[in-house]
Amino acid sequence: MNSIPLVSIIMPVYNAGQFIAESISSVLSQTCNNWELLVVDDGSTDHTASIVSDFVKVDSRIRYIYQENGKQGKARNNGIRNSKGAFLAFLDADDLWHPSKLEKQLECLEEYNVDLVFSDGWIFTEQERCKTSFGTITGLLEGADGLSLFLEKNRIPILTVLLKRESIVSVGGFTEVRNIQNAEDYHLWLKLILEGYKFYGMKEKLAYYRIHPTQNTLNDKRSTLQAIYAIQSLKIDSIIFRDLKNYHIRNWYRRLLFKYPVYVTDNFSVVLKMYREGTNRYLIYYFLKLMHSLFGTRVTRKVLTKII
């Protein structure tokens, strides 16, 4: 690259005093130094603000923004609105970056002429440092084949992403709908791939995802349900059933039904509603609803998996 573009790093935080200093330090250690860091405080009640304030005093590239609690999507969008960079990256306040993360990804974006790049990385705890990798897929992801892979699961760890600002702005940024939070990044990747944007998965391990007892995604047992809501909100559910010959989509849905059988009745009704809308088999839908009311989720999901 002839000149290094500005990268805006968005860091949503909530009561992050335990780890945020280490996360900010990993940004300060980047070999690419043309960045700005926007720390968006989502209504913290601990000492997060004072820690960030110490960093702001010594580095003008770091800015602090406070908002009333509105969850991750709102915090990320707030950061984007206040940012200036042509490229965007995201780092949560308990995770870390490899020093060469931004430099290598800027080079990759230019080399492959894509809209978003992501990488592999390490999962770590305070007891075990970097023994398990994310195991992300590599290479180009786009179109129908890319969508099929994303309907299986979220393929992109958000802390590994670098993307063009114009692409995320064009699809309206992150969703702020409450029942999709903790899957708001998955929702964004789906929007982008549906609009024809191209992703590239790098084999390098450029980020470190921290496992600890207080993190949102660890405590939120409804994250898979939130992914279902993300799919529904984008009207992708019909694709799941229209393309049942697709091995990946069919087996993703079967695994979902068998792995998560204990949602309350209303949640399983979401699954049945997806089946009805995707197939227009209204009589079967109402039969399944009746069966669900009489025999419960366990029996009904077994019948449904036989049908599909």
Protein backbone atom coordinates (compact mmCIF):
# COMPACT_ATOMS: atom_id res chain seq x y z
CA MET A 1 0.00 0.00 0.00
CA ASN A 2 1.32 3.44 -0.93
CA SER A 3 -0.25 5.10 2.12
CA ILE A 4 -1.70 3.45 5.18
CA PRO A 5 -5.43 4.28 5.56
CA LEU A 6 -6.96 5.12 8.91
CA VAL A 7 -8.49 2.14 10.72
CA SER A 8 -11.26 2.84 13.23
CA ILE A 9 -11.34 0.29 16.04
CA ILE A 10 -14.66 0.00 17.88
CA MET A 11 -14.51 -1.37 21.44
CA PRO A 12 -17.90 -1.76 23.21
CA VAL A 13 -17.43 -2.12 26.95
CA TYR A 14 -19.60 -2.90 29.95
CA ASN A 15 -18.07 -3.24 33.41
CA ALA A 16 -14.79 -4.20 31.77
CA GLY A 17 -12.41 -2.92 34.42
CA GLN A 18 -10.80 -6.32 34.98
CA PHE A 19 -9.43 -6.77 31.45
CA ILE A 20 -9.75 -3.56 29.43
CA ALA A 21 -6.24 -2.24 30.10
CA GLU A 22 -4.72 -5.36 28.56
CA SER A 23 -7.05 -5.13 25.56
CA ILE A 24 -6.18 -1.48 24.89
CA SER A 25 -2.50 -2.29 25.29
CA SER A 26 -2.79 -4.87 22.51
CA VAL A 27 -4.04 -2.08 20.23
CA LEU A 28 -1.17 0.18 21.27
CA SER A 29 1.23 -2.62 20.30
CA GLN A 30 0.06 -2.74 16.66
CA THR A 31 2.77 -2.49 14.03
CA CYS A 32 0.31 -0.43 11.98
CA ASN A 33 -0.04 2.83 13.89
CA ASN A 34 -2.58 4.74 11.77
CA TRP A 35 -5.62 3.89 13.85
CA GLU A 36 -8.15 5.43 16.19
CA LEU A 37 -9.74 3.54 19.08
CA LEU A 38 -13.29 4.42 20.11
CA VAL A 39 -14.18 2.94 23.49
CA VAL A 40 -17.98 2.94 23.78
CA ASP A 41 -19.05 2.51 27.39
CA ASP A 42 -22.46 0.83 27.46
CA GLY A 43 -23.49 2.12 30.89
CA SER A 44 -20.74 0.62 33.05
CA THR A 45 -21.04 0.91 36.83
CA ASP A 46 -17.49 -0.17 37.71
CA HIS A 47 -14.16 1.67 37.27
CA THR A 48 -14.00 1.18 33.47
CA ALA A 49 -14.22 4.94 32.76
CA SER A 50 -11.26 5.85 34.97
CA ILE A 51 -9.06 3.19 33.37
CA VAL A 52 -9.89 4.40 29.86
CA SER A 53 -9.37 8.01 30.97
CA ASP A 54 -5.75 7.22 31.87
CA PHE A 55 -5.14 5.93 28.32
CA VAL A 56 -6.91 8.91 26.73
CA LYS A 57 -4.59 11.30 28.56
CA VAL A 58 -1.46 9.77 27.03
CA ASP A 59 -2.67 8.89 23.51
CA SER A 60 -4.88 11.19 21.44
CA ARG A 61 -5.86 8.32 19.15
CA ILE A 62 -8.08 6.91 21.91
CA ARG A 63 -11.54 8.36 22.52
CA TYR A 64 -14.13 7.55 25.19
CA ILE A 65 -17.88 7.62 24.48
CA TYR A 66 -20.55 6.96 27.12
CA GLN A 67 -24.10 5.76 26.39
CA GLU A 68 -26.99 4.44 28.44
CA ASN A 69 -27.06 0.65 28.37
CA GLY A 70 -28.29 -0.49 24.95
CA LYS A 71 -26.34 -3.71 24.31
CA GLN A 72 -23.65 -4.55 21.79
CA GLY A 73 -25.34 -3.55 18.54
CA LYS A 74 -26.10 -0.04 19.73
CA ALA A 75 -22.60 0.41 21.14
CA ARG A 76 -20.94 -0.74 17.92
CA ASN A 77 -23.16 1.53 15.81
CA ASN A 78 -22.43 4.46 18.12
CA GLY A 79 -18.73 3.88 17.62
CA ILE A 80 -19.10 3.65 13.85
CA ARG A 81 -21.07 6.93 13.70
CA ASN A 82 -18.32 8.73 15.59
CA SER A 83 -15.44 7.16 13.68
CA LYS A 84 -13.44 8.57 10.77
CA GLY A 85 -11.63 5.59 9.24
CA ALA A 86 -12.14 4.05 5.81
CA PHE A 87 -11.75 0.65 7.48
CA LEU A 88 -13.35 -0.74 10.63
CA ALA A 89 -12.25 -3.35 13.16
CA PHE A 90 -13.85 -4.59 16.36
CA LEU A 91 -12.28 -5.65 19.63
CA ASP A 92 -14.18 -6.48 22.80
CA ALA A 93 -12.74 -5.24 26.08
CA ASP A 94 -11.65 -8.69 27.28
CA ASP A 95 -9.95 -9.90 24.08
CA LEU A 96 -6.53 -9.26 22.54
CA TRP A 97 -4.84 -8.78 19.18
CA HIS A 98 -1.54 -10.03 17.79
CA PRO A 99 0.74 -7.01 17.11
CA SER A 100 0.67 -7.56 13.33
CA LYS A 101 -3.12 -7.97 13.08
CA LEU A 102 -3.99 -4.70 11.36
CA GLU A 103 -0.91 -4.59 9.15
CA LYS A 104 -1.42 -8.08 7.74
CA GLN A 105 -5.14 -7.61 7.21
CA LEU A 106 -4.78 -4.33 5.35
CA GLU A 107 -2.37 -6.11 3.00
CA CYS A 108 -4.81 -9.01 2.59
CA LEU A 109 -7.75 -6.72 1.75
CA GLU A 110 -5.74 -5.13 -1.01
CA GLU A 111 -4.26 -8.38 -2.34
CA TYR A 112 -7.58 -10.24 -2.68
CA ASN A 113 -9.79 -7.23 -3.44
CA VAL A 114 -12.50 -8.25 -0.96
CA ASP A 115 -14.76 -6.30 1.36
CA LEU A 116 -14.01 -8.10 4.63
CA VAL A 117 -11.15 -10.21 5.94
CA PHE A 118 -11.04 -12.33 9.07
CA SER A 119 -8.53 -14.71 10.57
CA ASP A 120 -7.97 -17.65 12.85
CA GLY A 121 -7.01 -17.06 16.46
CA TRP A 122 -6.51 -18.54 19.89
CA ILE A 123 -8.93 -19.30 22.72
CA PHE A 124 -7.43 -18.81 26.16
CA THR A 125 -8.21 -18.66 29.86
CA GLU A 126 -6.18 -17.33 32.74
CA GLN A 127 -5.09 -20.91 33.46
CA GLU A 128 -4.38 -22.04 29.89
CA ARG A 129 -2.88 -19.61 27.40
CA CYS A 130 -3.50 -20.23 23.70
CA LYS A 131 -3.83 -24.02 23.47
CA THR A 132 -6.95 -24.10 21.27
CA SER A 133 -7.48 -22.31 17.97
CA PHE A 134 -10.78 -21.06 16.50
CA GLY A 135 -10.42 -23.38 13.51
CA THR A 136 -11.92 -20.85 11.09
CA ILE A 137 -12.25 -21.65 7.39
CA THR A 138 -9.87 -20.06 4.92
CA GLY A 139 -10.14 -18.64 1.42
CA LEU A 140 -12.83 -16.73 -0.46
CA LEU A 141 -16.45 -16.76 0.75
CA GLU A 142 -19.23 -15.31 -1.38
CA GLY A 143 -22.62 -15.95 -2.98
CA ALA A 144 -24.84 -18.98 -2.44
CA ASP A 145 -21.97 -21.25 -1.38
CA GLY A 146 -20.89 -18.72 1.23
CA LEU A 147 -24.45 -18.35 2.51
CA SER A 148 -24.78 -22.13 2.90
CA LEU A 149 -21.68 -22.18 5.10
CA PHE A 150 -23.00 -19.32 7.23
CA LEU A 151 -26.38 -20.99 7.70
CA GLU A 152 -24.53 -23.81 9.44
CA LYS A 153 -23.04 -21.43 12.01
CA ASN A 154 -21.33 -18.11 12.50
CA ARG A 155 -18.04 -18.51 10.65
CA ILE A 156 -16.41 -15.23 11.65
CA PRO A 157 -15.08 -14.30 15.11
CA ILE A 158 -15.77 -10.58 15.26
CA LEU A 159 -12.49 -9.78 17.00
CA THR A 160 -10.64 -10.97 13.88
CA VAL A 161 -12.50 -8.78 11.37
CA LEU A 162 -11.29 -5.89 9.24
CA LEU A 163 -13.78 -4.52 6.69
CA LYS A 164 -14.45 -1.56 4.47
CA ARG A 165 -16.53 1.13 6.11
CA GLU A 166 -18.66 1.63 2.99
CA SER A 167 -19.86 -1.98 3.07
CA ILE A 168 -21.15 -1.92 6.64
CA VAL A 169 -22.78 1.49 6.15
CA SER A 170 -24.55 0.27 3.01
CA VAL A 171 -26.40 -2.47 4.94
CA GLY A 172 -27.34 -0.27 7.89
CA GLY A 173 -24.73 -1.40 10.40
CA PHE A 174 -25.46 -3.75 13.28
CA THR A 175 -28.98 -4.62 14.33
CA GLU A 176 -30.07 -3.12 17.64
CA VAL A 177 -33.04 -5.50 18.03
CA ARG A 178 -32.85 -6.87 21.57
CA ASN A 179 -33.58 -10.52 20.83
CA ILE A 180 -30.72 -10.68 18.30
CA GLN A 181 -28.04 -9.27 20.61
CA ASN A 182 -25.09 -11.67 21.08
CA ALA A 183 -25.82 -12.70 17.48
CA GLU A 184 -25.69 -9.15 16.09
CA ASP A 185 -22.37 -9.87 14.39
CA TYR A 186 -23.77 -13.04 12.76
CA HIS A 187 -26.75 -10.98 11.57
CA LEU A 188 -24.36 -8.47 9.97
CA TRP A 189 -22.32 -11.12 8.14
CA LEU A 190 -25.55 -12.57 6.72
CA LYS A 191 -26.68 -9.13 5.53
CA LEU A 192 -23.35 -8.51 3.84
CA ILE A 193 -23.18 -11.86 2.07
CA LEU A 194 -26.80 -11.52 0.90
CA GLU A 195 -25.88 -8.15 -0.64
CA GLY A 196 -23.03 -9.71 -2.60
CA TYR A 197 -20.04 -8.63 -0.52
CA LYS A 198 -16.97 -10.86 -0.52
CA PHE A 199 -15.12 -12.25 2.51
CA TYR A 200 -11.66 -13.77 2.80
CA GLY A 201 -10.54 -16.04 5.62
CA MET A 202 -6.86 -15.81 6.54
CA LYS A 203 -4.99 -18.80 7.97
CA GLU A 204 -2.90 -16.67 10.34
CA LYS A 205 -3.82 -16.59 14.03
CA LEU A 206 -4.14 -12.87 14.74
CA ALA A 207 -6.41 -12.61 17.80
CA TYR A 208 -6.95 -14.04 21.27
CA TYR A 209 -10.42 -14.76 22.62
CA ARG A 210 -10.60 -14.83 26.41
CA ILE A 211 -12.90 -17.26 28.22
CA HIS A 212 -13.99 -16.05 31.66
CA PRO A 213 -17.06 -16.47 33.88
CA THR A 214 -18.57 -12.99 33.42
CA GLN A 215 -18.62 -12.68 29.62
CA ASN A 216 -21.95 -12.23 27.80
CA THR A 217 -21.65 -15.04 25.28
CA LEU A 218 -20.64 -17.55 27.94
CA ASN A 219 -23.59 -16.74 30.18
CA ASP A 220 -26.18 -16.42 27.42
CA LYS A 221 -27.61 -19.89 26.82
CA ARG A 222 -30.07 -18.51 24.27
CA SER A 223 -27.43 -17.56 21.71
CA THR A 224 -28.58 -20.22 19.25
CA LEU A 225 -32.15 -18.95 19.50
CA GLN A 226 -30.83 -15.46 18.79
CA ALA A 227 -29.19 -16.83 15.65
CA ILE A 228 -32.60 -18.20 14.60
CA TYR A 229 -34.13 -14.75 15.09
CA ALA A 230 -31.31 -13.30 12.99
CA ILE A 231 -32.14 -15.69 10.14
CA GLN A 232 -35.86 -15.00 10.46
CA SER A 233 -35.44 -11.23 10.45
CA LEU A 234 -33.64 -11.42 7.10
CA LYS A 235 -36.30 -13.73 5.58
CA ILE A 236 -33.71 -16.43 4.96
CA ASP A 237 -35.76 -19.15 6.61
CA SER A 238 -37.45 -20.11 3.34
CA ILE A 239 -34.03 -20.80 1.82
CA ILE A 240 -33.39 -23.42 4.50
CA PHE A 241 -36.37 -25.48 3.38
CA ARG A 242 -36.39 -24.66 -0.31
CA ASP A 243 -32.88 -26.05 -0.68
CA LEU A 244 -33.22 -29.24 1.36
CA LYS A 245 -30.96 -31.06 -1.08
CA ASN A 246 -28.14 -28.96 0.32
CA TYR A 247 -26.38 -31.29 2.75
CA HIS A 248 -24.99 -28.52 4.95
CA ILE A 249 -28.28 -26.68 5.43
CA ARG A 250 -30.28 -29.83 6.12
CA ASN A 251 -27.86 -31.11 8.73
CA TRP A 252 -27.46 -27.71 10.37
CA TYR A 253 -31.18 -27.65 10.99
CA ARG A 254 -31.33 -31.23 12.25
CA ARG A 255 -28.48 -30.57 14.69
CA LEU A 256 -30.34 -27.50 15.91
CA LEU A 257 -33.46 -29.50 16.69
CA PHE A 258 -31.62 -32.28 18.48
CA LYS A 259 -29.14 -30.14 20.40
CA TYR A 260 -31.56 -27.52 21.72
CA PRO A 261 -34.82 -29.34 22.62
CA VAL A 262 -35.58 -27.59 25.88
CA TYR A 263 -36.69 -24.14 24.79
CA VAL A 264 -40.04 -22.99 26.15
CA THR A 265 -43.10 -23.54 23.99
CA ASP A 266 -42.99 -20.11 22.36
CA ASN A 267 -39.39 -20.64 21.28
CA PHE A 268 -40.09 -23.98 19.65
CA SER A 269 -43.04 -22.32 17.94
CA VAL A 270 -40.46 -20.17 16.17
CA VAL A 271 -38.99 -23.35 14.69
CA LEU A 272 -42.41 -24.55 13.57
CA LYS A 273 -43.19 -21.14 12.09
CA MET A 274 -39.97 -21.33 10.05
CA TYR A 275 -41.08 -24.70 8.73
CA ARG A 276 -44.49 -23.36 7.72
CA GLU A 277 -43.15 -20.22 6.02
CA GLY A 278 -40.41 -22.11 4.26
CA THR A 279 -42.66 -24.78 2.77
CA ASN A 280 -46.20 -23.37 2.73
CA ARG A 281 -47.32 -26.69 4.19
CA TYR A 282 -49.98 -25.17 6.38
CA LEU A 283 -51.80 -28.39 7.23
CA ILE A 284 -48.59 -30.06 8.40
CA TYR A 285 -47.75 -26.96 10.38
CA TYR A 286 -51.01 -27.01 12.29
CA PHE A 287 -50.68 -30.76 12.82
CA LEU A 288 -47.26 -30.17 14.36
CA LYS A 289 -48.62 -27.36 16.51
CA LEU A 290 -51.33 -29.67 17.83
CA MET A 291 -48.80 -32.44 18.43
CA HIS A 292 -46.59 -29.99 20.27
CA SER A 293 -49.42 -28.94 22.58
CA LEU A 294 -50.34 -32.58 23.29
CA PHE A 295 -46.95 -34.31 23.44
CA GLY A 296 -44.39 -31.55 23.92
CA THR A 297 -41.17 -30.53 22.23
CA ARG A 298 -39.26 -33.81 22.35
CA VAL A 299 -41.80 -35.83 20.36
CA THR A 300 -42.60 -33.00 17.95
CA ARG A 301 -39.01 -32.30 16.98
CA LYS A 302 -38.45 -35.98 16.24
CA VAL A 303 -41.42 -35.97 13.88
CA LEU A 304 -40.21 -32.76 12.25
CA THR A 305 -36.70 -34.11 11.66
CA LYS A 306 -38.24 -37.17 9.97
CA ILE A 307 -40.25 -34.90 7.67
CA ILE A 308 -37.23 -32.87 6.58
